């Protein structure tokens, strides 16, 4: 048995029923499929049986790449990149229809943020099917005025519609992790109500305002705008509120104003 690396958050999904359930979340036949962190190819194998036009894999661990190459070496519609997904150039390399990923727990939000921040938008893909540690998934799915609500909630909801989610027991993995997981299904938004030119500005605004998550936003707001009280009044933002009390839309209109006036 291959020794799995905790540093890479390696927990292999082995439950066949769950693997089939995940592969059934989209019609794969004739589509270009992109899989993040395929590991030993348990999901990959099922996807390939459903006749995708092509499947492209990004796997950081060279040992897994060797296993995958031996396992699928006769598949002409299969391609693998032995790269770190966080450094992989998705914009220029891939035009995929559906993205699957059993994400490493330790970098799952960074991977999601990478896809949210793609330069090309709307993107080529039509759906993302990602598995997260349950705690992280709950943060993505959170509503404002809850303790789970945070930066990743705001970023994800700006460019993505969350269409479904379901829990997966820790017993479906080897080795068995300490926590359960959740699948979240996303679809890219092709139109938004707010005109934000550079999503990195939204990232900046959320970083500043959430830096003091338990504090009122007045001090953080003053770091963004010199005339912060006038801006808050114009945008109808209550400076006595804490970051989690502001709905996503408030962060979008703050960023929109920031881009137009800084």
C-alpha atoms as a PDB file:
ATOM      1  CA  UNK A   1       0.000   0.000   0.000  1.00  0.00           C
ATOM      2  CA  UNK A   2       1.348   3.404  -1.014  1.00  0.00           C
ATOM      3  CA  UNK A   3       2.140   5.599   1.990  1.00  0.00           C
ATOM      4  CA  UNK A   4      -0.080   8.684   1.806  1.00  0.00           C
ATOM      5  CA  UNK A   5       1.290  12.114   2.663  1.00  0.00           C
ATOM      6  CA  UNK A   6      -0.448  14.128   5.369  1.00  0.00           C
ATOM      7  CA  UNK A   7       1.372  17.229   4.114  1.00  0.00           C
ATOM      8  CA  UNK A   8      -0.577  16.942   0.842  1.00  0.00           C
ATOM      9  CA  UNK A   9      -3.889  16.182   2.564  1.00  0.00           C
ATOM     10  CA  UNK A  10      -4.129  12.789   0.873  1.00  0.00           C
ATOM     11  CA  UNK A  11      -7.272  10.826   1.739  1.00  0.00           C
ATOM     12  CA  UNK A  12      -8.518   8.556  -1.033  1.00  0.00           C
ATOM     13  CA  UNK A  13     -12.241   8.218  -1.685  1.00  0.00           C
ATOM     14  CA  UNK A  14     -12.846   4.472  -2.020  1.00  0.00           C
ATOM     15  CA  UNK A  15     -16.606   4.019  -1.600  1.00  0.00           C
ATOM     16  CA  UNK A  16     -17.900   2.857  -5.014  1.00  0.00           C
ATOM     17  CA  UNK A  17     -21.464   4.060  -4.373  1.00  0.00           C
ATOM     18  CA  UNK A  18     -20.258   7.574  -3.592  1.00  0.00           C
ATOM     19  CA  UNK A  19     -17.847   7.573  -6.535  1.00  0.00           C
ATOM     20  CA  UNK A  20     -20.715   6.632  -8.857  1.00  0.00           C
ATOM     21  CA  UNK A  21     -22.983   9.242  -7.267  1.00  0.00           C
ATOM     22  CA  UNK A  22     -20.371  11.943  -7.909  1.00  0.00           C
ATOM     23  CA  UNK A  23     -19.822  10.865 -11.522  1.00  0.00           C
ATOM     24  CA  UNK A  24     -23.594  10.989 -12.075  1.00  0.00           C
ATOM     25  CA  UNK A  25     -23.723  14.684 -11.151  1.00  0.00           C
ATOM     26  CA  UNK A  26     -23.155  15.619 -14.787  1.00  0.00           C
ATOM     27  CA  UNK A  27     -23.610  14.025 -18.184  1.00  0.00           C
ATOM     28  CA  UNK A  28     -19.991  13.204 -19.026  1.00  0.00           C
ATOM     29  CA  UNK A  29     -20.440  11.686 -22.494  1.00  0.00           C
ATOM     30  CA  UNK A  30     -18.664  13.780 -25.154  1.00  0.00           C
ATOM     31  CA  UNK A  31     -17.425  16.427 -22.713  1.00  0.00           C
ATOM     32  CA  UNK A  32     -13.960  17.629 -21.745  1.00  0.00           C
ATOM     33  CA  UNK A  33     -13.472  16.733 -18.077  1.00  0.00           C
ATOM     34  CA  UNK A  34     -10.866  18.275 -15.789  1.00  0.00           C
ATOM     35  CA  UNK A  35      -9.996  16.551 -12.512  1.00  0.00           C
ATOM     36  CA  UNK A  36      -7.986  18.100  -9.686  1.00  0.00           C
ATOM     37  CA  UNK A  37      -5.975  15.689  -7.535  1.00  0.00           C
ATOM     38  CA  UNK A  38      -7.111  12.337  -8.966  1.00  0.00           C
ATOM     39  CA  UNK A  39      -4.883  10.351  -6.589  1.00  0.00           C
ATOM     40  CA  UNK A  40      -4.910   6.703  -7.683  1.00  0.00           C
ATOM     41  CA  UNK A  41      -7.696   7.330 -10.205  1.00  0.00           C
ATOM     42  CA  UNK A  42     -10.736   5.855  -8.427  1.00  0.00           C
ATOM     43  CA  UNK A  43     -13.067   8.547  -9.783  1.00  0.00           C
ATOM     44  CA  UNK A  44     -11.088   8.886 -13.016  1.00  0.00           C
ATOM     45  CA  UNK A  45     -11.760   5.252 -13.852  1.00  0.00           C
ATOM     46  CA  UNK A  46     -15.520   5.703 -13.534  1.00  0.00           C
ATOM     47  CA  UNK A  47     -15.475   8.934 -15.554  1.00  0.00           C
ATOM     48  CA  UNK A  48     -13.557   7.278 -18.388  1.00  0.00           C
ATOM     49  CA  UNK A  49     -16.204   4.551 -18.631  1.00  0.00           C
ATOM     50  CA  UNK A  50     -18.760   7.275 -19.409  1.00  0.00           C
ATOM     51  CA  UNK A  51     -17.046   8.261 -22.667  1.00  0.00           C
ATOM     52  CA  UNK A  52     -15.773  11.805 -22.134  1.00  0.00           C
ATOM     53  CA  UNK A  53     -14.293  13.505 -25.165  1.00  0.00           C
ATOM     54  CA  UNK A  54     -11.154  14.027 -23.099  1.00  0.00           C
ATOM     55  CA  UNK A  55     -10.084  13.893 -19.464  1.00  0.00           C
ATOM     56  CA  UNK A  56      -7.282  16.074 -18.133  1.00  0.00           C
ATOM     57  CA  UNK A  57      -5.749  15.465 -14.722  1.00  0.00           C
ATOM     58  CA  UNK A  58      -3.555  17.654 -12.528  1.00  0.00           C
ATOM     59  CA  UNK A  59      -1.727  15.661  -9.852  1.00  0.00           C
ATOM     60  CA  UNK A  60       1.128  17.045  -7.743  1.00  0.00           C
ATOM     61  CA  UNK A  61       2.401  13.721  -6.346  1.00  0.00           C
ATOM     62  CA  UNK A  62       4.734  12.067  -8.841  1.00  0.00           C
ATOM     63  CA  UNK A  63       4.040   8.624  -7.313  1.00  0.00           C
ATOM     64  CA  UNK A  64       0.350   8.971  -8.133  1.00  0.00           C
ATOM     65  CA  UNK A  65       1.188  10.154 -11.651  1.00  0.00           C
ATOM     66  CA  UNK A  66       3.153   6.952 -12.233  1.00  0.00           C
ATOM     67  CA  UNK A  67       0.226   4.850 -10.975  1.00  0.00           C
ATOM     68  CA  UNK A  68      -2.209   6.770 -13.192  1.00  0.00           C
ATOM     69  CA  UNK A  69      -0.021   6.394 -16.276  1.00  0.00           C
ATOM     70  CA  UNK A  70       0.199   2.626 -15.786  1.00  0.00           C
ATOM     71  CA  UNK A  71      -3.519   2.377 -15.102  1.00  0.00           C
ATOM     72  CA  UNK A  72      -4.727   4.403 -18.099  1.00  0.00           C
ATOM     73  CA  UNK A  73      -1.839   4.239 -20.578  1.00  0.00           C
ATOM     74  CA  UNK A  74      -4.041   2.881 -23.375  1.00  0.00           C
ATOM     75  CA  UNK A  75      -6.575   5.700 -23.146  1.00  0.00           C
ATOM     76  CA  UNK A  76      -6.070   8.152 -26.011  1.00  0.00           C
ATOM     77  CA  UNK A  77      -8.437  10.717 -24.501  1.00  0.00           C
ATOM     78  CA  UNK A  78      -6.463  10.906 -21.255  1.00  0.00           C
ATOM     79  CA  UNK A  79      -3.766  13.460 -20.326  1.00  0.00           C
ATOM     80  CA  UNK A  80      -1.989  14.133 -17.043  1.00  0.00           C
ATOM     81  CA  UNK A  81      -0.045  17.119 -15.736  1.00  0.00           C
ATOM     82  CA  UNK A  82       2.377  16.438 -12.870  1.00  0.00           C
ATOM     83  CA  UNK A  83       1.968  19.931 -11.415  1.00  0.00           C
ATOM     84  CA  UNK A  84       0.797  21.839  -8.375  1.00  0.00           C
ATOM     85  CA  UNK A  85      -2.758  23.011  -9.105  1.00  0.00           C
ATOM     86  CA  UNK A  86      -2.056  26.312  -7.324  1.00  0.00           C
ATOM     87  CA  UNK A  87       0.701  27.053  -9.886  1.00  0.00           C
ATOM     88  CA  UNK A  88      -1.055  25.534 -12.882  1.00  0.00           C
ATOM     89  CA  UNK A  89      -2.053  27.990 -15.624  1.00  0.00           C
ATOM     90  CA  UNK A  90      -5.690  27.073 -16.156  1.00  0.00           C
ATOM     91  CA  UNK A  91      -6.458  30.140 -18.307  1.00  0.00           C
ATOM     92  CA  UNK A  92      -4.022  29.216 -21.075  1.00  0.00           C
ATOM     93  CA  UNK A  93      -3.865  25.427 -20.800  1.00  0.00           C
ATOM     94  CA  UNK A  94      -7.366  24.063 -20.411  1.00  0.00           C
ATOM     95  CA  UNK A  95     -10.785  24.435 -21.962  1.00  0.00           C
ATOM     96  CA  UNK A  96     -12.827  22.047 -19.842  1.00  0.00           C
ATOM     97  CA  UNK A  97     -16.586  21.583 -19.578  1.00  0.00           C
ATOM     98  CA  UNK A  98     -16.798  20.077 -16.079  1.00  0.00           C
ATOM     99  CA  UNK A  99     -14.280  20.202 -13.223  1.00  0.00           C
ATOM    100  CA  UNK A 100     -14.139  17.496 -10.562  1.00  0.00           C
ATOM    101  CA  UNK A 101     -11.967  17.510  -7.466  1.00  0.00           C
ATOM    102  CA  UNK A 102     -11.542  15.724  -4.144  1.00  0.00           C
ATOM    103  CA  UNK A 103      -9.569  18.633  -2.746  1.00  0.00           C
ATOM    104  CA  UNK A 104      -6.755  18.357  -0.196  1.00  0.00           C
ATOM    105  CA  UNK A 105      -8.177  19.717   3.064  1.00  0.00           C
ATOM    106  CA  UNK A 106      -5.246  22.040   3.727  1.00  0.00           C
ATOM    107  CA  UNK A 107      -5.484  24.035   0.479  1.00  0.00           C
ATOM    108  CA  UNK A 108      -9.110  23.552  -0.606  1.00  0.00           C
ATOM    109  CA  UNK A 109     -10.137  27.210  -0.234  1.00  0.00           C
ATOM    110  CA  UNK A 110      -7.023  28.311  -2.147  1.00  0.00           C
ATOM    111  CA  UNK A 111      -7.934  25.980  -5.010  1.00  0.00           C
ATOM    112  CA  UNK A 112     -11.513  27.248  -5.113  1.00  0.00           C
ATOM    113  CA  UNK A 113     -10.270  30.852  -5.002  1.00  0.00           C
ATOM    114  CA  UNK A 114      -7.948  30.115  -7.940  1.00  0.00           C
ATOM    115  CA  UNK A 115     -10.923  29.189 -10.122  1.00  0.00           C
ATOM    116  CA  UNK A 116     -12.988  32.130  -8.849  1.00  0.00           C
ATOM    117  CA  UNK A 117     -10.179  34.531  -9.785  1.00  0.00           C
ATOM    118  CA  UNK A 118      -9.591  33.298 -13.349  1.00  0.00           C
ATOM    119  CA  UNK A 119      -8.797  36.177 -15.720  1.00  0.00           C
ATOM    120  CA  UNK A 120     -11.107  34.831 -18.406  1.00  0.00           C
ATOM    121  CA  UNK A 121     -14.718  35.223 -17.288  1.00  0.00           C
ATOM    122  CA  UNK A 122     -17.143  33.770 -18.068  1.00  0.00           C
ATOM    123  CA  UNK A 123     -14.896  30.694 -18.128  1.00  0.00           C
ATOM    124  CA  UNK A 124     -15.010  27.704 -20.450  1.00  0.00           C
ATOM    125  CA  UNK A 125     -16.305  25.341 -17.775  1.00  0.00           C
ATOM    126  CA  UNK A 126     -20.024  25.018 -17.050  1.00  0.00           C
ATOM    127  CA  UNK A 127     -19.848  23.234 -13.703  1.00  0.00           C
ATOM    128  CA  UNK A 128     -17.499  22.635 -10.773  1.00  0.00           C
ATOM    129  CA  UNK A 129     -17.995  19.597  -8.536  1.00  0.00           C
ATOM    130  CA  UNK A 130     -15.660  19.893  -5.544  1.00  0.00           C
ATOM    131  CA  UNK A 131     -15.356  17.966  -2.296  1.00  0.00           C
ATOM    132  CA  UNK A 132     -14.377  19.862   0.838  1.00  0.00           C
ATOM    133  CA  UNK A 133     -13.858  19.165   4.495  1.00  0.00           C
ATOM    134  CA  UNK A 134     -17.329  19.686   6.019  1.00  0.00           C
ATOM    135  CA  UNK A 135     -16.198  22.682   8.074  1.00  0.00           C
ATOM    136  CA  UNK A 136     -14.873  24.436   4.969  1.00  0.00           C
ATOM    137  CA  UNK A 137     -17.988  23.543   2.979  1.00  0.00           C
ATOM    138  CA  UNK A 138     -20.155  25.039   5.719  1.00  0.00           C
ATOM    139  CA  UNK A 139     -18.196  28.299   5.406  1.00  0.00           C
ATOM    140  CA  UNK A 140     -18.769  28.413   1.651  1.00  0.00           C
ATOM    141  CA  UNK A 141     -22.480  27.705   2.122  1.00  0.00           C
ATOM    142  CA  UNK A 142     -22.887  30.104   5.066  1.00  0.00           C
ATOM    143  CA  UNK A 143     -25.348  32.988   5.331  1.00  0.00           C
ATOM    144  CA  UNK A 144     -24.434  36.333   6.846  1.00  0.00           C
ATOM    145  CA  UNK A 145     -25.020  36.735  10.572  1.00  0.00           C
ATOM    146  CA  UNK A 146     -23.593  33.271  11.213  1.00  0.00           C
ATOM    147  CA  UNK A 147     -20.199  32.344  12.677  1.00  0.00           C
ATOM    148  CA  UNK A 148     -19.263  30.361   9.542  1.00  0.00           C
ATOM    149  CA  UNK A 149     -19.703  33.355   7.222  1.00  0.00           C
ATOM    150  CA  UNK A 150     -16.416  34.763   5.918  1.00  0.00           C
ATOM    151  CA  UNK A 151     -14.273  35.846   2.997  1.00  0.00           C
ATOM    152  CA  UNK A 152     -14.623  32.633   1.002  1.00  0.00           C
ATOM    153  CA  UNK A 153     -18.432  32.940   1.260  1.00  0.00           C
ATOM    154  CA  UNK A 154     -18.323  36.420  -0.269  1.00  0.00           C
ATOM    155  CA  UNK A 155     -15.843  35.511  -3.012  1.00  0.00           C
ATOM    156  CA  UNK A 156     -17.611  32.302  -4.015  1.00  0.00           C
ATOM    157  CA  UNK A 157     -21.037  33.908  -4.233  1.00  0.00           C
ATOM    158  CA  UNK A 158     -19.845  36.731  -6.461  1.00  0.00           C
ATOM    159  CA  UNK A 159     -18.943  34.536  -9.422  1.00  0.00           C
ATOM    160  CA  UNK A 160     -20.596  31.199  -8.669  1.00  0.00           C
ATOM    161  CA  UNK A 161     -24.107  29.901  -8.124  1.00  0.00           C
ATOM    162  CA  UNK A 162     -24.210  27.068  -5.603  1.00  0.00           C
ATOM    163  CA  UNK A 163     -26.724  24.581  -6.985  1.00  0.00           C
ATOM    164  CA  UNK A 164     -26.464  21.612  -4.618  1.00  0.00           C
ATOM    165  CA  UNK A 165     -24.490  19.980  -1.806  1.00  0.00           C
ATOM    166  CA  UNK A 166     -24.464  16.755   0.153  1.00  0.00           C
ATOM    167  CA  UNK A 167     -22.499  15.208   3.002  1.00  0.00           C
ATOM    168  CA  UNK A 168     -20.033  12.314   2.665  1.00  0.00           C
ATOM    169  CA  UNK A 169     -19.067  10.224   5.679  1.00  0.00           C
ATOM    170  CA  UNK A 170     -15.416  10.025   6.700  1.00  0.00           C
ATOM    171  CA  UNK A 171     -15.813   6.219   6.527  1.00  0.00           C
ATOM    172  CA  UNK A 172     -15.817   6.456   2.714  1.00  0.00           C
ATOM    173  CA  UNK A 173     -12.088   7.330   2.695  1.00  0.00           C
ATOM    174  CA  UNK A 174      -8.751   5.627   3.247  1.00  0.00           C
ATOM    175  CA  UNK A 175      -7.109   6.460   5.514  1.00  0.00           C
ATOM    176  CA  UNK A 176     -10.193   7.514   7.483  1.00  0.00           C
ATOM    177  CA  UNK A 177      -9.887  11.269   8.217  1.00  0.00           C
ATOM    178  CA  UNK A 178     -10.998  12.927  11.445  1.00  0.00           C
ATOM    179  CA  UNK A 179     -13.862  14.792   9.757  1.00  0.00           C
ATOM    180  CA  UNK A 180     -16.707  14.274   7.311  1.00  0.00           C
ATOM    181  CA  UNK A 181     -16.747  15.884   3.869  1.00  0.00           C
ATOM    182  CA  UNK A 182     -19.236  17.625   1.620  1.00  0.00           C
ATOM    183  CA  UNK A 183     -19.690  17.845  -2.114  1.00  0.00           C
ATOM    184  CA  UNK A 184     -20.629  21.297  -3.429  1.00  0.00           C
ATOM    185  CA  UNK A 185     -21.792  21.865  -7.007  1.00  0.00           C
ATOM    186  CA  UNK A 186     -21.126  25.284  -8.526  1.00  0.00           C
ATOM    187  CA  UNK A 187     -22.099  26.916 -11.804  1.00  0.00           C
ATOM    188  CA  UNK A 188     -20.412  30.107 -13.029  1.00  0.00           C
ATOM    189  CA  UNK A 189     -22.495  33.249 -13.094  1.00  0.00           C
ATOM    190  CA  UNK A 190     -22.520  34.840 -16.523  1.00  0.00           C
ATOM    191  CA  UNK A 191     -24.099  38.077 -15.279  1.00  0.00           C
ATOM    192  CA  UNK A 192     -23.813  39.838 -11.938  1.00  0.00           C
ATOM    193  CA  UNK A 193     -25.634  42.828 -10.486  1.00  0.00           C
ATOM    194  CA  UNK A 194     -22.368  44.573  -9.606  1.00  0.00           C
ATOM    195  CA  UNK A 195     -19.708  45.837 -11.968  1.00  0.00           C
ATOM    196  CA  UNK A 196     -16.375  44.795 -10.457  1.00  0.00           C
ATOM    197  CA  UNK A 197     -13.547  45.079 -12.969  1.00  0.00           C
ATOM    198  CA  UNK A 198     -10.902  43.165 -11.014  1.00  0.00           C
ATOM    199  CA  UNK A 199     -11.939  40.471  -8.569  1.00  0.00           C
ATOM    200  CA  UNK A 200      -8.625  40.947  -6.748  1.00  0.00           C
ATOM    201  CA  UNK A 201     -10.082  44.217  -5.453  1.00  0.00           C
ATOM    202  CA  UNK A 202     -12.952  42.267  -3.884  1.00  0.00           C
ATOM    203  CA  UNK A 203     -10.353  39.971  -2.361  1.00  0.00           C
ATOM    204  CA  UNK A 204      -8.564  43.017  -0.942  1.00  0.00           C
ATOM    205  CA  UNK A 205     -11.735  44.583   0.503  1.00  0.00           C
ATOM    206  CA  UNK A 206     -12.761  41.343   2.215  1.00  0.00           C
ATOM    207  CA  UNK A 207      -9.245  40.839   3.566  1.00  0.00           C
ATOM    208  CA  UNK A 208      -9.235  44.274   5.204  1.00  0.00           C
ATOM    209  CA  UNK A 209     -12.766  44.113   6.589  1.00  0.00           C
ATOM    210  CA  UNK A 210     -12.508  40.554   7.886  1.00  0.00           C
ATOM    211  CA  UNK A 211      -9.112  41.219   9.518  1.00  0.00           C
ATOM    212  CA  UNK A 212     -10.988  42.021  12.713  1.00  0.00           C
ATOM    213  CA  UNK A 213     -13.842  39.556  12.442  1.00  0.00           C
ATOM    214  CA  UNK A 214     -15.198  40.209  15.942  1.00  0.00           C
ATOM    215  CA  UNK A 215     -14.760  43.981  15.800  1.00  0.00           C
ATOM    216  CA  UNK A 216     -16.920  46.714  14.302  1.00  0.00           C
ATOM    217  CA  UNK A 217     -15.871  47.568  10.752  1.00  0.00           C
ATOM    218  CA  UNK A 218     -15.366  51.326  11.318  1.00  0.00           C
ATOM    219  CA  UNK A 219     -11.588  51.119  11.860  1.00  0.00           C
ATOM    220  CA  UNK A 220     -11.052  48.710   8.960  1.00  0.00           C
ATOM    221  CA  UNK A 221     -13.264  50.865   6.718  1.00  0.00           C
ATOM    222  CA  UNK A 222     -11.074  53.892   7.494  1.00  0.00           C
ATOM    223  CA  UNK A 223      -8.080  51.981   6.100  1.00  0.00           C
ATOM    224  CA  UNK A 224      -9.837  51.671   2.745  1.00  0.00           C
ATOM    225  CA  UNK A 225     -11.321  55.181   2.373  1.00  0.00           C
ATOM    226  CA  UNK A 226      -9.953  58.497   3.686  1.00  0.00           C
ATOM    227  CA  UNK A 227     -13.444  59.995   3.839  1.00  0.00           C
ATOM    228  CA  UNK A 228     -14.801  56.722   5.194  1.00  0.00           C
ATOM    229  CA  UNK A 229     -17.770  58.167   7.087  1.00  0.00           C
ATOM    230  CA  UNK A 230     -19.080  59.919   3.973  1.00  0.00           C
ATOM    231  CA  UNK A 231     -18.571  56.775   1.873  1.00  0.00           C
ATOM    232  CA  UNK A 232     -20.359  54.633   4.446  1.00  0.00           C
ATOM    233  CA  UNK A 233     -23.287  57.056   4.476  1.00  0.00           C
ATOM    234  CA  UNK A 234     -23.438  57.121   0.673  1.00  0.00           C
ATOM    235  CA  UNK A 235     -23.394  53.304   0.465  1.00  0.00           C
ATOM    236  CA  UNK A 236     -25.726  52.898   3.435  1.00  0.00           C
ATOM    237  CA  UNK A 237     -23.154  50.854   5.378  1.00  0.00           C
ATOM    238  CA  UNK A 238     -23.495  50.763   9.165  1.00  0.00           C
ATOM    239  CA  UNK A 239     -19.964  51.154  10.547  1.00  0.00           C
ATOM    240  CA  UNK A 240     -21.026  49.711  13.888  1.00  0.00           C
ATOM    241  CA  UNK A 241     -21.641  46.331  12.307  1.00  0.00           C
ATOM    242  CA  UNK A 242     -19.166  43.468  12.374  1.00  0.00           C
ATOM    243  CA  UNK A 243     -17.936  41.833   9.130  1.00  0.00           C
ATOM    244  CA  UNK A 244     -20.250  38.819   9.400  1.00  0.00           C
ATOM    245  CA  UNK A 245     -23.274  41.113   9.714  1.00  0.00           C
ATOM    246  CA  UNK A 246     -22.797  42.542   6.210  1.00  0.00           C
ATOM    247  CA  UNK A 247     -24.469  40.543   3.408  1.00  0.00           C
ATOM    248  CA  UNK A 248     -22.400  39.651   0.342  1.00  0.00           C
ATOM    249  CA  UNK A 249     -24.047  42.465  -1.626  1.00  0.00           C
ATOM    250  CA  UNK A 250     -22.542  45.075   0.710  1.00  0.00           C
ATOM    251  CA  UNK A 251     -19.034  43.816  -0.052  1.00  0.00           C
ATOM    252  CA  UNK A 252     -19.761  43.957  -3.775  1.00  0.00           C
ATOM    253  CA  UNK A 253     -21.023  47.543  -3.696  1.00  0.00           C
ATOM    254  CA  UNK A 254     -18.092  48.625  -1.503  1.00  0.00           C
ATOM    255  CA  UNK A 255     -15.692  47.106  -4.044  1.00  0.00           C
ATOM    256  CA  UNK A 256     -17.571  48.677  -6.951  1.00  0.00           C
ATOM    257  CA  UNK A 257     -17.306  52.104  -5.300  1.00  0.00           C
ATOM    258  CA  UNK A 258     -13.635  51.488  -4.457  1.00  0.00           C
ATOM    259  CA  UNK A 259     -12.746  50.803  -8.094  1.00  0.00           C
ATOM    260  CA  UNK A 260     -14.523  53.916  -9.315  1.00  0.00           C
ATOM    261  CA  UNK A 261     -13.076  56.291  -6.734  1.00  0.00           C
ATOM    262  CA  UNK A 262      -9.546  55.181  -5.846  1.00  0.00           C
END
